[in-house]
Amino acid sequence: MNEDEITRGVARGLHEHHRRQAEARNRSLLSGLLIMAIGLIAFILLVTYG
């Protein structure tokens, strides 16, 4: 294993790590937006029919 192969392996590993972090951030953002939407709908229903 030479230096170029090691460098490519590290770069590939870092790329995969960053991709997984981005996916986790996206899931977290979407779940937060969903919770806010549910809260807003519940608030509107409470004000309208409460």
C-alpha atoms as a PDB file:
ATOM      1  CA  MET A   1       0.000   0.000   0.000  1.00  0.00           C
ATOM      2  CA  ASN A   2       1.597   3.247  -1.092  1.00  0.00           C
ATOM      3  CA  GLU A   3       0.999   6.816  -0.008  1.00  0.00           C
ATOM      4  CA  ASP A   4      -1.460   7.604  -2.828  1.00  0.00           C
ATOM      5  CA  GLU A   5      -3.691   4.653  -1.930  1.00  0.00           C
ATOM      6  CA  ILE A   6      -3.688   5.691   1.728  1.00  0.00           C
ATOM      7  CA  THR A   7      -4.535   9.280   0.776  1.00  0.00           C
ATOM      8  CA  ARG A   8      -7.410   8.137  -1.444  1.00  0.00           C
ATOM      9  CA  GLY A   9      -8.703   5.844   1.298  1.00  0.00           C
ATOM     10  CA  VAL A  10      -8.664   8.627   3.891  1.00  0.00           C
ATOM     11  CA  ALA A  11     -10.362  11.035   1.477  1.00  0.00           C
ATOM     12  CA  ARG A  12     -13.032   8.439   0.675  1.00  0.00           C
ATOM     13  CA  GLY A  13     -13.607   7.801   4.381  1.00  0.00           C
ATOM     14  CA  LEU A  14     -13.925  11.515   5.143  1.00  0.00           C
ATOM     15  CA  HIS A  15     -16.328  11.986   2.237  1.00  0.00           C
ATOM     16  CA  GLU A  16     -18.522   9.129   3.490  1.00  0.00           C
ATOM     17  CA  HIS A  17     -18.435  10.541   7.030  1.00  0.00           C
ATOM     18  CA  HIS A  18     -19.520  14.002   5.850  1.00  0.00           C
ATOM     19  CA  ARG A  19     -22.271  12.476   3.708  1.00  0.00           C
ATOM     20  CA  ARG A  20     -23.662  10.575   6.696  1.00  0.00           C
ATOM     21  CA  GLN A  21     -23.545  13.706   8.853  1.00  0.00           C
ATOM     22  CA  ALA A  22     -25.434  15.672   6.191  1.00  0.00           C
ATOM     23  CA  GLU A  23     -28.105  12.957   5.986  1.00  0.00           C
ATOM     24  CA  ALA A  24     -28.495  13.005   9.769  1.00  0.00           C
ATOM     25  CA  ARG A  25     -28.823  16.809   9.756  1.00  0.00           C
ATOM     26  CA  ASN A  26     -31.483  16.611   7.041  1.00  0.00           C
ATOM     27  CA  ARG A  27     -33.467  14.011   8.990  1.00  0.00           C
ATOM     28  CA  SER A  28     -33.233  16.129  12.120  1.00  0.00           C
ATOM     29  CA  LEU A  29     -34.383  19.243  10.269  1.00  0.00           C
ATOM     30  CA  LEU A  30     -37.318  17.431   8.665  1.00  0.00           C
ATOM     31  CA  SER A  31     -38.446  15.930  11.964  1.00  0.00           C
ATOM     32  CA  GLY A  32     -38.265  19.365  13.606  1.00  0.00           C
ATOM     33  CA  LEU A  33     -40.342  20.895  10.830  1.00  0.00           C
ATOM     34  CA  LEU A  34     -42.891  18.101  11.146  1.00  0.00           C
ATOM     35  CA  ILE A  35     -43.219  18.676  14.898  1.00  0.00           C
ATOM     36  CA  MET A  36     -43.645  22.414  14.334  1.00  0.00           C
ATOM     37  CA  ALA A  37     -46.310  21.802  11.671  1.00  0.00           C
ATOM     38  CA  ILE A  38     -48.240  19.480  13.993  1.00  0.00           C
ATOM     39  CA  GLY A  39     -48.012  22.074  16.768  1.00  0.00           C
ATOM     40  CA  LEU A  40     -49.251  24.827  14.455  1.00  0.00           C
ATOM     41  CA  ILE A  41     -52.193  22.729  13.278  1.00  0.00           C
ATOM     42  CA  ALA A  42     -53.075  21.857  16.879  1.00  0.00           C
ATOM     43  CA  PHE A  43     -52.906  25.552  17.830  1.00  0.00           C
ATOM     44  CA  ILE A  44     -55.142  26.566  14.923  1.00  0.00           C
ATOM     45  CA  LEU A  45     -57.669  23.870  15.830  1.00  0.00           C
ATOM     46  CA  LEU A  46     -57.583  24.940  19.492  1.00  0.00           C
ATOM     47  CA  VAL A  47     -58.179  28.589  18.625  1.00  0.00           C
ATOM     48  CA  THR A  48     -60.858  27.782  16.058  1.00  0.00           C
ATOM     49  CA  TYR A  49     -62.858  25.167  17.948  1.00  0.00           C
ATOM     50  CA  GLY A  50     -61.651  25.637  21.529  1.00  0.00           C
END
